[in-house]
Amino acid sequence: MPMLRHCLPFLLWLPGLCAQETPSPWLTDHAAAVARAKAEQKPILADFTGSDWCGWCVKLKKEVFDTDAFRTWAATKVVLLELDFPRRTEQAEELKRQNENLARRYRITGYPTILLLDAEGNRLGQLGYQPGGPAAWTQAADALLAGKGATGPAGGAVAAIADAASEGWTADLAAAQKLAETQGRPILAAFTGSDWCRKSQALRSGVFADAAFRSWAGEQVVLLEVDFPRRGKQSPALKQQNAALAERLAVLGYPAVLLLDAKGQQLAVLPADAADAAAFVAAAKQALENRGGKGPRPTSGG
């Protein structure tokens, strides 16, 4: 008994000996994430991040991923997979190779890029940082998940703009309309030929990948990619959706950038040949102030 009295104070000074750390809900092993996704019949939420250098990644983690609201949502909706590309933190070589291979497979060119994948590795949607905390972020994710599967337009989509901008682009018109309605924002629809049209590629790299555009778009619009690739694969449903939308809105060439309302009706035409992101955002702000007019028919060519 005397020994017990001597041991208890000692143990009280070492709470770490008794306390157990809460395990992270994020997996880092892709194979383990796939196995869990199959067992639990859930999609994978794969976060391509630069944890120790990427400012937007750190901001997204703090505002969304580290919150109880997000963890509660994720526990019932997805399998979490972190694919990190640190610059200062050491990683095992096997983990580095895994992450690099997945980045090449999904053509990741910016961080953060968050992919929703099925257990077979097919894209269901893509997200990035957006303001509004966990409620806004999970709402956007739910909109993408609502259209998942082979019958959904986003299944198998080649999201080249989303890879470049990493800021919340979707290829699913229905998901974009739902977000536009719930958030009270217009849709910015970019009609593009991502893998062959030089003007589309210039717009992507010069405007959509720019931090000034991403910051503005994250607060003002819902981003919709309407792509017409020649080499990249698309699902039949996505091809049909994009062709029908281009025909209805009389888009005659690429790139073309339109502002649409939540019903998919044209509000304005934006300059697809803007010199830079600042010029594009200035024109977009002016269009939003005057939105309601349908403007001229977009006819730019690649």
C-alpha atoms as a PDB file:
ATOM      1  CA  MET A   1       0.000   0.000   0.000  1.00  0.00           C
ATOM      2  CA  PRO A   2       2.800   2.544   0.756  1.00  0.00           C
ATOM      3  CA  MET A   3       4.272   1.810  -2.640  1.00  0.00           C
ATOM      4  CA  LEU A   4       0.914   2.584  -4.243  1.00  0.00           C
ATOM      5  CA  ARG A   5       0.877   6.004  -2.568  1.00  0.00           C
ATOM      6  CA  HIS A   6       4.301   6.718  -4.021  1.00  0.00           C
ATOM      7  CA  CYS A   7       3.373   5.575  -7.528  1.00  0.00           C
ATOM      8  CA  LEU A   8       0.138   7.502  -7.971  1.00  0.00           C
ATOM      9  CA  PRO A   9       1.704  11.002  -7.876  1.00  0.00           C
ATOM     10  CA  PHE A  10       4.353   9.848 -10.324  1.00  0.00           C
ATOM     11  CA  LEU A  11       1.704   8.571 -12.753  1.00  0.00           C
ATOM     12  CA  LEU A  12      -0.260  11.794 -12.478  1.00  0.00           C
ATOM     13  CA  TRP A  13       2.778  13.641 -13.820  1.00  0.00           C
ATOM     14  CA  LEU A  14       2.823  11.346 -16.869  1.00  0.00           C
ATOM     15  CA  PRO A  15      -0.638  11.557 -18.376  1.00  0.00           C
ATOM     16  CA  GLY A  16       0.729  10.441 -21.724  1.00  0.00           C
ATOM     17  CA  LEU A  17       1.268   6.957 -20.291  1.00  0.00           C
ATOM     18  CA  CYS A  18      -2.476   6.502 -19.829  1.00  0.00           C
ATOM     19  CA  ALA A  19      -4.043   8.781 -22.419  1.00  0.00           C
ATOM     20  CA  GLN A  20      -4.634   7.340 -25.875  1.00  0.00           C
ATOM     21  CA  GLU A  21      -4.407   9.591 -28.937  1.00  0.00           C
ATOM     22  CA  THR A  22      -7.437   9.618 -31.204  1.00  0.00           C
ATOM     23  CA  PRO A  23      -6.383   7.915 -34.439  1.00  0.00           C
ATOM     24  CA  SER A  24      -6.508  10.055 -37.569  1.00  0.00           C
ATOM     25  CA  PRO A  25      -9.475   9.298 -39.835  1.00  0.00           C
ATOM     26  CA  TRP A  26      -7.185   9.796 -42.849  1.00  0.00           C
ATOM     27  CA  LEU A  27      -5.494   6.818 -44.465  1.00  0.00           C
ATOM     28  CA  THR A  28      -2.266   7.255 -46.397  1.00  0.00           C
ATOM     29  CA  ASP A  29      -2.170   3.796 -48.016  1.00  0.00           C
ATOM     30  CA  HIS A  30      -4.068   3.803 -51.298  1.00  0.00           C
ATOM     31  CA  ALA A  31      -4.573   0.042 -51.321  1.00  0.00           C
ATOM     32  CA  ALA A  32      -6.016   0.159 -47.811  1.00  0.00           C
ATOM     33  CA  ALA A  33      -8.376   2.968 -48.834  1.00  0.00           C
ATOM     34  CA  VAL A  34      -9.588   0.973 -51.839  1.00  0.00           C
ATOM     35  CA  ALA A  35     -10.167  -2.100 -49.675  1.00  0.00           C
ATOM     36  CA  ARG A  36     -12.156  -0.087 -47.151  1.00  0.00           C
ATOM     37  CA  ALA A  37     -14.154   1.645 -49.901  1.00  0.00           C
ATOM     38  CA  LYS A  38     -15.157  -1.753 -51.290  1.00  0.00           C
ATOM     39  CA  ALA A  39     -15.975  -3.189 -47.876  1.00  0.00           C
ATOM     40  CA  GLU A  40     -18.017  -0.180 -46.748  1.00  0.00           C
ATOM     41  CA  GLN A  41     -19.400   0.625 -50.222  1.00  0.00           C
ATOM     42  CA  LYS A  42     -18.281   4.246 -49.993  1.00  0.00           C
ATOM     43  CA  PRO A  43     -16.415   6.558 -52.352  1.00  0.00           C
ATOM     44  CA  ILE A  44     -12.868   7.678 -51.593  1.00  0.00           C
ATOM     45  CA  LEU A  45     -12.133  11.319 -50.850  1.00  0.00           C
ATOM     46  CA  ALA A  46      -8.502  11.719 -51.942  1.00  0.00           C
ATOM     47  CA  ASP A  47      -6.752  14.896 -50.789  1.00  0.00           C
ATOM     48  CA  PHE A  48      -3.686  15.757 -52.886  1.00  0.00           C
ATOM     49  CA  THR A  49      -1.945  18.268 -50.622  1.00  0.00           C
ATOM     50  CA  GLY A  50       1.309  20.023 -49.816  1.00  0.00           C
ATOM     51  CA  SER A  51       0.930  19.950 -46.059  1.00  0.00           C
ATOM     52  CA  ASP A  52       4.012  21.931 -45.035  1.00  0.00           C
ATOM     53  CA  TRP A  53       4.223  24.579 -47.769  1.00  0.00           C
ATOM     54  CA  CYS A  54       0.904  25.045 -49.614  1.00  0.00           C
ATOM     55  CA  GLY A  55      -1.018  27.946 -48.062  1.00  0.00           C
ATOM     56  CA  TRP A  56      -4.389  26.960 -49.548  1.00  0.00           C
ATOM     57  CA  CYS A  57      -3.880  23.381 -48.322  1.00  0.00           C
ATOM     58  CA  VAL A  58      -3.203  24.560 -44.778  1.00  0.00           C
ATOM     59  CA  LYS A  59      -6.212  26.884 -44.934  1.00  0.00           C
ATOM     60  CA  LEU A  60      -8.498  24.092 -46.155  1.00  0.00           C
ATOM     61  CA  LYS A  61      -7.264  21.731 -43.449  1.00  0.00           C
ATOM     62  CA  LYS A  62      -7.801  24.292 -40.690  1.00  0.00           C
ATOM     63  CA  GLU A  63     -11.183  25.580 -41.883  1.00  0.00           C
ATOM     64  CA  VAL A  64     -12.698  22.268 -43.000  1.00  0.00           C
ATOM     65  CA  PHE A  65     -10.823  18.992 -42.519  1.00  0.00           C
ATOM     66  CA  ASP A  66      -9.878  19.572 -38.870  1.00  0.00           C
ATOM     67  CA  THR A  67     -13.431  20.429 -37.807  1.00  0.00           C
ATOM     68  CA  ASP A  68     -15.788  18.092 -35.977  1.00  0.00           C
ATOM     69  CA  ALA A  69     -18.515  18.909 -38.515  1.00  0.00           C
ATOM     70  CA  PHE A  70     -16.405  17.611 -41.393  1.00  0.00           C
ATOM     71  CA  ARG A  71     -15.296  14.510 -39.510  1.00  0.00           C
ATOM     72  CA  THR A  72     -18.899  13.684 -38.648  1.00  0.00           C
ATOM     73  CA  TRP A  73     -19.907  14.089 -42.288  1.00  0.00           C
ATOM     74  CA  ALA A  74     -16.954  12.056 -43.565  1.00  0.00           C
ATOM     75  CA  ALA A  75     -17.529   9.177 -41.158  1.00  0.00           C
ATOM     76  CA  THR A  76     -20.773   8.255 -42.903  1.00  0.00           C
ATOM     77  CA  LYS A  77     -20.062   9.415 -46.457  1.00  0.00           C
ATOM     78  CA  VAL A  78     -16.494   8.686 -47.593  1.00  0.00           C
ATOM     79  CA  VAL A  79     -13.180   6.952 -46.994  1.00  0.00           C
ATOM     80  CA  LEU A  80     -10.504   9.596 -46.381  1.00  0.00           C
ATOM     81  CA  LEU A  81      -7.166   9.284 -48.186  1.00  0.00           C
ATOM     82  CA  GLU A  82      -4.356  11.823 -47.760  1.00  0.00           C
ATOM     83  CA  LEU A  83      -1.792  11.988 -50.570  1.00  0.00           C
ATOM     84  CA  ASP A  84       0.832  14.419 -49.344  1.00  0.00           C
ATOM     85  CA  PHE A  85       3.676  16.136 -51.236  1.00  0.00           C
ATOM     86  CA  PRO A  86       5.667  17.868 -48.473  1.00  0.00           C
ATOM     87  CA  ARG A  87       8.853  19.825 -49.053  1.00  0.00           C
ATOM     88  CA  ARG A  88      10.363  19.699 -45.558  1.00  0.00           C
ATOM     89  CA  THR A  89       8.759  16.690 -43.886  1.00  0.00           C
ATOM     90  CA  GLU A  90      10.434  13.351 -44.576  1.00  0.00           C
ATOM     91  CA  GLN A  91       8.431  10.554 -46.211  1.00  0.00           C
ATOM     92  CA  ALA A  92       9.116   6.891 -46.763  1.00  0.00           C
ATOM     93  CA  GLU A  93      10.228   6.197 -50.339  1.00  0.00           C
ATOM     94  CA  GLU A  94       7.350   3.773 -50.865  1.00  0.00           C
ATOM     95  CA  LEU A  95       4.836   6.439 -49.861  1.00  0.00           C
ATOM     96  CA  LYS A  96       6.501   8.996 -52.148  1.00  0.00           C
ATOM     97  CA  ARG A  97       6.297   6.622 -55.102  1.00  0.00           C
ATOM     98  CA  GLN A  98       2.654   5.812 -54.394  1.00  0.00           C
ATOM     99  CA  ASN A  99       1.669   9.491 -54.228  1.00  0.00           C
ATOM    100  CA  GLU A 100       3.647  10.447 -57.315  1.00  0.00           C
ATOM    101  CA  ASN A 101       2.126   7.596 -59.313  1.00  0.00           C
ATOM    102  CA  LEU A 102      -1.388   8.646 -58.312  1.00  0.00           C
ATOM    103  CA  ALA A 103      -0.647  12.287 -59.146  1.00  0.00           C
ATOM    104  CA  ARG A 104       0.466  11.224 -62.643  1.00  0.00           C
ATOM    105  CA  ARG A 105      -2.522   8.917 -63.041  1.00  0.00           C
ATOM    106  CA  TYR A 106      -4.999  11.699 -62.271  1.00  0.00           C
ATOM    107  CA  ARG A 107      -2.959  14.494 -63.891  1.00  0.00           C
ATOM    108  CA  ILE A 108      -2.676  16.555 -60.720  1.00  0.00           C
ATOM    109  CA  THR A 109      -0.922  19.871 -61.347  1.00  0.00           C
ATOM    110  CA  GLY A 110      -1.998  21.984 -58.380  1.00  0.00           C
ATOM    111  CA  TYR A 111      -2.713  21.727 -54.677  1.00  0.00           C
ATOM    112  CA  PRO A 112      -5.022  21.272 -52.948  1.00  0.00           C
ATOM    113  CA  THR A 113      -6.845  18.965 -55.352  1.00  0.00           C
ATOM    114  CA  ILE A 114      -9.528  16.795 -53.792  1.00  0.00           C
ATOM    115  CA  LEU A 115     -10.909  13.964 -55.896  1.00  0.00           C
ATOM    116  CA  LEU A 116     -13.982  11.877 -55.208  1.00  0.00           C
ATOM    117  CA  LEU A 117     -13.257   8.391 -56.570  1.00  0.00           C
ATOM    118  CA  ASP A 118     -15.150   5.140 -56.660  1.00  0.00           C
ATOM    119  CA  ALA A 119     -13.482   1.931 -55.486  1.00  0.00           C
ATOM    120  CA  GLU A 120     -12.357   1.219 -59.069  1.00  0.00           C
ATOM    121  CA  GLY A 121     -10.532   4.534 -59.274  1.00  0.00           C
ATOM    122  CA  ASN A 122     -12.995   6.387 -61.525  1.00  0.00           C
ATOM    123  CA  ARG A 123     -13.547  10.099 -60.929  1.00  0.00           C
ATOM    124  CA  LEU A 124     -16.877  11.071 -59.419  1.00  0.00           C
ATOM    125  CA  GLY A 125     -16.019  14.716 -58.947  1.00  0.00           C
ATOM    126  CA  GLN A 126     -13.382  17.220 -57.908  1.00  0.00           C
ATOM    127  CA  LEU A 127     -13.130  19.968 -55.329  1.00  0.00           C
ATOM    128  CA  GLY A 128     -10.573  22.388 -53.953  1.00  0.00           C
ATOM    129  CA  TYR A 129     -10.557  25.155 -51.389  1.00  0.00           C
ATOM    130  CA  GLN A 130     -13.674  27.251 -51.072  1.00  0.00           C
ATOM    131  CA  PRO A 131     -14.753  29.699 -48.369  1.00  0.00           C
ATOM    132  CA  GLY A 132     -17.651  29.035 -46.033  1.00  0.00           C
ATOM    133  CA  GLY A 133     -16.211  26.407 -43.722  1.00  0.00           C
ATOM    134  CA  PRO A 134     -17.304  22.771 -43.426  1.00  0.00           C
ATOM    135  CA  ALA A 135     -20.987  23.429 -44.193  1.00  0.00           C
ATOM    136  CA  ALA A 136     -20.298  24.984 -47.597  1.00  0.00           C
ATOM    137  CA  TRP A 137     -17.582  22.458 -48.432  1.00  0.00           C
ATOM    138  CA  THR A 138     -19.597  19.352 -47.571  1.00  0.00           C
ATOM    139  CA  GLN A 139     -22.599  20.805 -49.392  1.00  0.00           C
ATOM    140  CA  ALA A 140     -20.487  21.017 -52.540  1.00  0.00           C
ATOM    141  CA  ALA A 141     -19.231  17.467 -52.000  1.00  0.00           C
ATOM    142  CA  ASP A 142     -22.783  16.187 -51.488  1.00  0.00           C
ATOM    143  CA  ALA A 143     -23.845  17.814 -54.758  1.00  0.00           C
ATOM    144  CA  LEU A 144     -21.112  15.924 -56.593  1.00  0.00           C
ATOM    145  CA  LEU A 145     -21.879  12.649 -54.830  1.00  0.00           C
ATOM    146  CA  ALA A 146     -25.542  12.972 -55.778  1.00  0.00           C
ATOM    147  CA  GLY A 147     -24.572  12.472 -59.424  1.00  0.00           C
ATOM    148  CA  LYS A 148     -22.056   9.666 -58.899  1.00  0.00           C
ATOM    149  CA  GLY A 149     -21.944   6.425 -60.868  1.00  0.00           C
ATOM    150  CA  ALA A 150     -21.957   5.306 -64.489  1.00  0.00           C
ATOM    151  CA  THR A 151     -25.210   7.099 -65.252  1.00  0.00           C
ATOM    152  CA  GLY A 152     -24.019  10.436 -63.902  1.00  0.00           C
ATOM    153  CA  PRO A 153     -22.490  12.980 -66.321  1.00  0.00           C
ATOM    154  CA  ALA A 154     -19.368  13.353 -64.219  1.00  0.00           C
ATOM    155  CA  GLY A 155     -18.443   9.664 -64.350  1.00  0.00           C
ATOM    156  CA  GLY A 156     -15.096   9.247 -66.095  1.00  0.00           C
ATOM    157  CA  ALA A 157     -14.823  12.953 -66.931  1.00  0.00           C
ATOM    158  CA  VAL A 158     -11.512  14.435 -67.986  1.00  0.00           C
ATOM    159  CA  ALA A 159     -11.378  17.556 -65.798  1.00  0.00           C
ATOM    160  CA  ALA A 160      -8.384  19.399 -67.245  1.00  0.00           C
ATOM    161  CA  ILE A 161      -9.447  22.822 -66.050  1.00  0.00           C
ATOM    162  CA  ALA A 162     -10.074  21.491 -62.576  1.00  0.00           C
ATOM    163  CA  ASP A 163      -6.591  19.978 -62.516  1.00  0.00           C
ATOM    164  CA  ALA A 164      -5.121  23.376 -63.379  1.00  0.00           C
ATOM    165  CA  ALA A 165      -7.232  25.524 -61.109  1.00  0.00           C
ATOM    166  CA  SER A 166      -7.797  23.082 -58.252  1.00  0.00           C
ATOM    167  CA  GLU A 167     -10.651  25.280 -57.106  1.00  0.00           C
ATOM    168  CA  GLY A 168     -14.023  23.594 -57.157  1.00  0.00           C
ATOM    169  CA  TRP A 169     -14.748  22.964 -60.841  1.00  0.00           C
ATOM    170  CA  THR A 170     -17.409  20.404 -61.658  1.00  0.00           C
ATOM    171  CA  ALA A 171     -18.320  18.806 -64.982  1.00  0.00           C
ATOM    172  CA  ASP A 172     -21.849  17.923 -63.852  1.00  0.00           C
ATOM    173  CA  LEU A 173     -24.436  20.487 -64.980  1.00  0.00           C
ATOM    174  CA  ALA A 174     -27.082  19.246 -62.537  1.00  0.00           C
ATOM    175  CA  ALA A 175     -24.634  19.520 -59.618  1.00  0.00           C
ATOM    176  CA  ALA A 176     -23.644  23.036 -60.709  1.00  0.00           C
ATOM    177  CA  GLN A 177     -27.292  24.096 -60.941  1.00  0.00           C
ATOM    178  CA  LYS A 178     -28.028  22.713 -57.486  1.00  0.00           C
ATOM    179  CA  LEU A 179     -25.078  24.611 -56.012  1.00  0.00           C
ATOM    180  CA  ALA A 180     -26.070  27.792 -57.861  1.00  0.00           C
ATOM    181  CA  GLU A 181     -29.580  27.548 -56.459  1.00  0.00           C
ATOM    182  CA  THR A 182     -28.583  26.801 -52.866  1.00  0.00           C
ATOM    183  CA  GLN A 183     -25.737  29.348 -52.783  1.00  0.00           C
ATOM    184  CA  GLY A 184     -27.538  32.056 -54.734  1.00  0.00           C
ATOM    185  CA  ARG A 185     -24.703  32.366 -57.254  1.00  0.00           C
ATOM    186  CA  PRO A 186     -24.512  32.300 -61.052  1.00  0.00           C
ATOM    187  CA  ILE A 187     -22.671  29.542 -62.907  1.00  0.00           C
ATOM    188  CA  LEU A 188     -19.467  30.351 -64.762  1.00  0.00           C
ATOM    189  CA  ALA A 189     -19.477  27.820 -67.610  1.00  0.00           C
ATOM    190  CA  ALA A 190     -16.205  27.364 -69.524  1.00  0.00           C
ATOM    191  CA  PHE A 191     -16.638  25.651 -72.906  1.00  0.00           C
ATOM    192  CA  THR A 192     -13.220  24.342 -73.842  1.00  0.00           C
ATOM    193  CA  GLY A 193     -11.208  21.916 -75.917  1.00  0.00           C
ATOM    194  CA  SER A 194      -8.759  21.058 -73.173  1.00  0.00           C
ATOM    195  CA  ASP A 195      -6.361  18.761 -75.027  1.00  0.00           C
ATOM    196  CA  TRP A 196      -6.224  20.369 -78.476  1.00  0.00           C
ATOM    197  CA  CYS A 197      -7.390  24.011 -78.446  1.00  0.00           C
ATOM    198  CA  ARG A 198      -4.469  26.364 -77.851  1.00  0.00           C
ATOM    199  CA  LYS A 199      -6.702  29.252 -76.811  1.00  0.00           C
ATOM    200  CA  SER A 200      -8.442  27.008 -74.295  1.00  0.00           C
ATOM    201  CA  GLN A 201      -5.095  25.987 -72.853  1.00  0.00           C
ATOM    202  CA  ALA A 202      -3.967  29.627 -72.676  1.00  0.00           C
ATOM    203  CA  LEU A 203      -7.170  30.576 -70.847  1.00  0.00           C
ATOM    204  CA  ARG A 204      -6.649  27.711 -68.428  1.00  0.00           C
ATOM    205  CA  SER A 205      -3.044  28.561 -67.598  1.00  0.00           C
ATOM    206  CA  GLY A 206      -3.296  32.356 -67.824  1.00  0.00           C
ATOM    207  CA  VAL A 207      -6.614  32.905 -66.052  1.00  0.00           C
ATOM    208  CA  PHE A 208      -8.199  29.865 -64.384  1.00  0.00           C
ATOM    209  CA  ALA A 209      -4.996  28.716 -62.656  1.00  0.00           C
ATOM    210  CA  ASP A 210      -4.259  32.220 -61.344  1.00  0.00           C
ATOM    211  CA  ALA A 211      -4.715  32.893 -57.621  1.00  0.00           C
ATOM    212  CA  ALA A 212      -6.620  36.130 -58.339  1.00  0.00           C
ATOM    213  CA  PHE A 213      -9.219  34.228 -60.369  1.00  0.00           C
ATOM    214  CA  ARG A 214      -9.477  31.415 -57.811  1.00  0.00           C
ATOM    215  CA  SER A 215      -9.970  33.862 -54.949  1.00  0.00           C
ATOM    216  CA  TRP A 216     -12.708  35.755 -56.805  1.00  0.00           C
ATOM    217  CA  ALA A 217     -14.461  32.670 -58.178  1.00  0.00           C
ATOM    218  CA  GLY A 218     -14.514  30.923 -54.802  1.00  0.00           C
ATOM    219  CA  GLU A 219     -16.787  33.662 -53.455  1.00  0.00           C
ATOM    220  CA  GLN A 220     -18.839  34.695 -56.486  1.00  0.00           C
ATOM    221  CA  VAL A 221     -19.676  31.839 -58.867  1.00  0.00           C
ATOM    222  CA  VAL A 222     -20.145  28.106 -59.321  1.00  0.00           C
ATOM    223  CA  LEU A 223     -17.553  26.745 -61.762  1.00  0.00           C
ATOM    224  CA  LEU A 224     -18.693  24.418 -64.554  1.00  0.00           C
ATOM    225  CA  GLU A 225     -16.317  22.842 -67.087  1.00  0.00           C
ATOM    226  CA  VAL A 226     -17.928  21.950 -70.421  1.00  0.00           C
ATOM    227  CA  ASP A 227     -15.100  20.178 -72.212  1.00  0.00           C
ATOM    228  CA  PHE A 228     -14.812  18.767 -75.733  1.00  0.00           C
ATOM    229  CA  PRO A 229     -11.539  16.799 -75.770  1.00  0.00           C
ATOM    230  CA  ARG A 230     -10.257  14.882 -78.796  1.00  0.00           C
ATOM    231  CA  ARG A 231      -7.971  12.452 -76.992  1.00  0.00           C
ATOM    232  CA  GLY A 232      -9.203  12.389 -73.400  1.00  0.00           C
ATOM    233  CA  LYS A 233     -11.927   9.900 -72.460  1.00  0.00           C
ATOM    234  CA  GLN A 234     -15.395  11.016 -71.417  1.00  0.00           C
ATOM    235  CA  SER A 235     -18.470   9.062 -70.431  1.00  0.00           C
ATOM    236  CA  PRO A 236     -21.288   8.962 -73.039  1.00  0.00           C
ATOM    237  CA  ALA A 237     -23.545  10.799 -70.585  1.00  0.00           C
ATOM    238  CA  LEU A 238     -21.037  13.642 -70.206  1.00  0.00           C
ATOM    239  CA  LYS A 239     -20.562  13.919 -73.966  1.00  0.00           C
ATOM    240  CA  GLN A 240     -24.317  14.120 -74.440  1.00  0.00           C
ATOM    241  CA  GLN A 241     -24.699  16.710 -71.676  1.00  0.00           C
ATOM    242  CA  ASN A 242     -21.970  18.962 -73.085  1.00  0.00           C
ATOM    243  CA  ALA A 243     -23.160  18.717 -76.698  1.00  0.00           C
ATOM    244  CA  ALA A 244     -26.737  19.511 -75.705  1.00  0.00           C
ATOM    245  CA  LEU A 245     -25.671  22.498 -73.597  1.00  0.00           C
ATOM    246  CA  ALA A 246     -23.458  23.915 -76.352  1.00  0.00           C
ATOM    247  CA  GLU A 247     -26.259  23.518 -78.885  1.00  0.00           C
ATOM    248  CA  ARG A 248     -28.870  25.112 -76.630  1.00  0.00           C
ATOM    249  CA  LEU A 249     -26.643  28.096 -75.852  1.00  0.00           C
ATOM    250  CA  ALA A 250     -25.407  28.364 -79.473  1.00  0.00           C
ATOM    251  CA  VAL A 251     -21.719  28.053 -78.579  1.00  0.00           C
ATOM    252  CA  LEU A 252     -19.919  27.994 -81.926  1.00  0.00           C
ATOM    253  CA  GLY A 253     -16.260  27.849 -80.887  1.00  0.00           C
ATOM    254  CA  TYR A 254     -13.834  27.254 -78.033  1.00  0.00           C
ATOM    255  CA  PRO A 255     -13.012  28.616 -75.609  1.00  0.00           C
ATOM    256  CA  ALA A 256     -16.224  30.363 -74.647  1.00  0.00           C
ATOM    257  CA  VAL A 257     -17.110  31.485 -71.133  1.00  0.00           C
ATOM    258  CA  LEU A 258     -20.713  32.205 -70.138  1.00  0.00           C
ATOM    259  CA  LEU A 259     -22.503  33.247 -66.998  1.00  0.00           C
ATOM    260  CA  LEU A 260     -25.644  31.153 -66.475  1.00  0.00           C
ATOM    261  CA  ASP A 261     -28.422  31.298 -63.910  1.00  0.00           C
ATOM    262  CA  ALA A 262     -29.416  28.308 -61.778  1.00  0.00           C
ATOM    263  CA  LYS A 263     -31.765  27.118 -64.544  1.00  0.00           C
ATOM    264  CA  GLY A 264     -28.929  27.098 -67.080  1.00  0.00           C
ATOM    265  CA  GLN A 265     -30.095  30.193 -68.937  1.00  0.00           C
ATOM    266  CA  GLN A 266     -27.468  32.585 -70.291  1.00  0.00           C
ATOM    267  CA  LEU A 267     -26.889  35.831 -68.409  1.00  0.00           C
ATOM    268  CA  ALA A 268     -23.728  37.148 -70.037  1.00  0.00           C
ATOM    269  CA  VAL A 269     -20.700  36.314 -72.167  1.00  0.00           C
ATOM    270  CA  LEU A 270     -17.258  36.775 -70.594  1.00  0.00           C
ATOM    271  CA  PRO A 271     -14.012  37.481 -72.463  1.00  0.00           C
ATOM    272  CA  ALA A 272     -12.347  34.155 -73.260  1.00  0.00           C
ATOM    273  CA  ASP A 273      -9.412  36.094 -74.740  1.00  0.00           C
ATOM    274  CA  ALA A 274      -8.707  38.205 -71.648  1.00  0.00           C
ATOM    275  CA  ALA A 275      -5.068  39.222 -71.367  1.00  0.00           C
ATOM    276  CA  ASP A 276      -4.757  37.960 -67.800  1.00  0.00           C
ATOM    277  CA  ALA A 277      -6.704  37.005 -64.706  1.00  0.00           C
ATOM    278  CA  ALA A 278      -7.053  40.606 -63.532  1.00  0.00           C
ATOM    279  CA  ALA A 279      -8.674  41.655 -66.813  1.00  0.00           C
ATOM    280  CA  PHE A 280     -10.966  38.636 -66.788  1.00  0.00           C
ATOM    281  CA  VAL A 281     -12.084  39.205 -63.203  1.00  0.00           C
ATOM    282  CA  ALA A 282     -12.715  42.899 -63.896  1.00  0.00           C
ATOM    283  CA  ALA A 283     -14.927  42.001 -66.851  1.00  0.00           C
ATOM    284  CA  ALA A 284     -16.715  39.335 -64.826  1.00  0.00           C
ATOM    285  CA  LYS A 285     -17.404  41.766 -61.985  1.00  0.00           C
ATOM    286  CA  GLN A 286     -18.892  44.232 -64.455  1.00  0.00           C
ATOM    287  CA  ALA A 287     -21.035  41.497 -65.981  1.00  0.00           C
ATOM    288  CA  LEU A 288     -22.291  40.454 -62.549  1.00  0.00           C
ATOM    289  CA  GLU A 289     -23.271  44.032 -61.783  1.00  0.00           C
ATOM    290  CA  ASN A 290     -25.234  44.206 -65.025  1.00  0.00           C
ATOM    291  CA  ARG A 291     -26.322  40.581 -65.203  1.00  0.00           C
ATOM    292  CA  GLY A 292     -29.598  39.849 -66.856  1.00  0.00           C
ATOM    293  CA  GLY A 293     -28.683  40.744 -70.432  1.00  0.00           C
ATOM    294  CA  LYS A 294     -27.935  37.822 -72.723  1.00  0.00           C
ATOM    295  CA  GLY A 295     -25.176  39.522 -74.657  1.00  0.00           C
ATOM    296  CA  PRO A 296     -23.693  38.459 -78.004  1.00  0.00           C
ATOM    297  CA  ARG A 297     -23.341  34.909 -79.217  1.00  0.00           C
ATOM    298  CA  PRO A 298     -19.919  33.424 -78.316  1.00  0.00           C
ATOM    299  CA  THR A 299     -17.944  32.653 -81.469  1.00  0.00           C
ATOM    300  CA  SER A 300     -14.263  32.490 -80.497  1.00  0.00           C
ATOM    301  CA  GLY A 301     -12.311  29.647 -82.063  1.00  0.00           C
ATOM    302  CA  GLY A 302      -9.302  27.534 -81.162  1.00  0.00           C
END
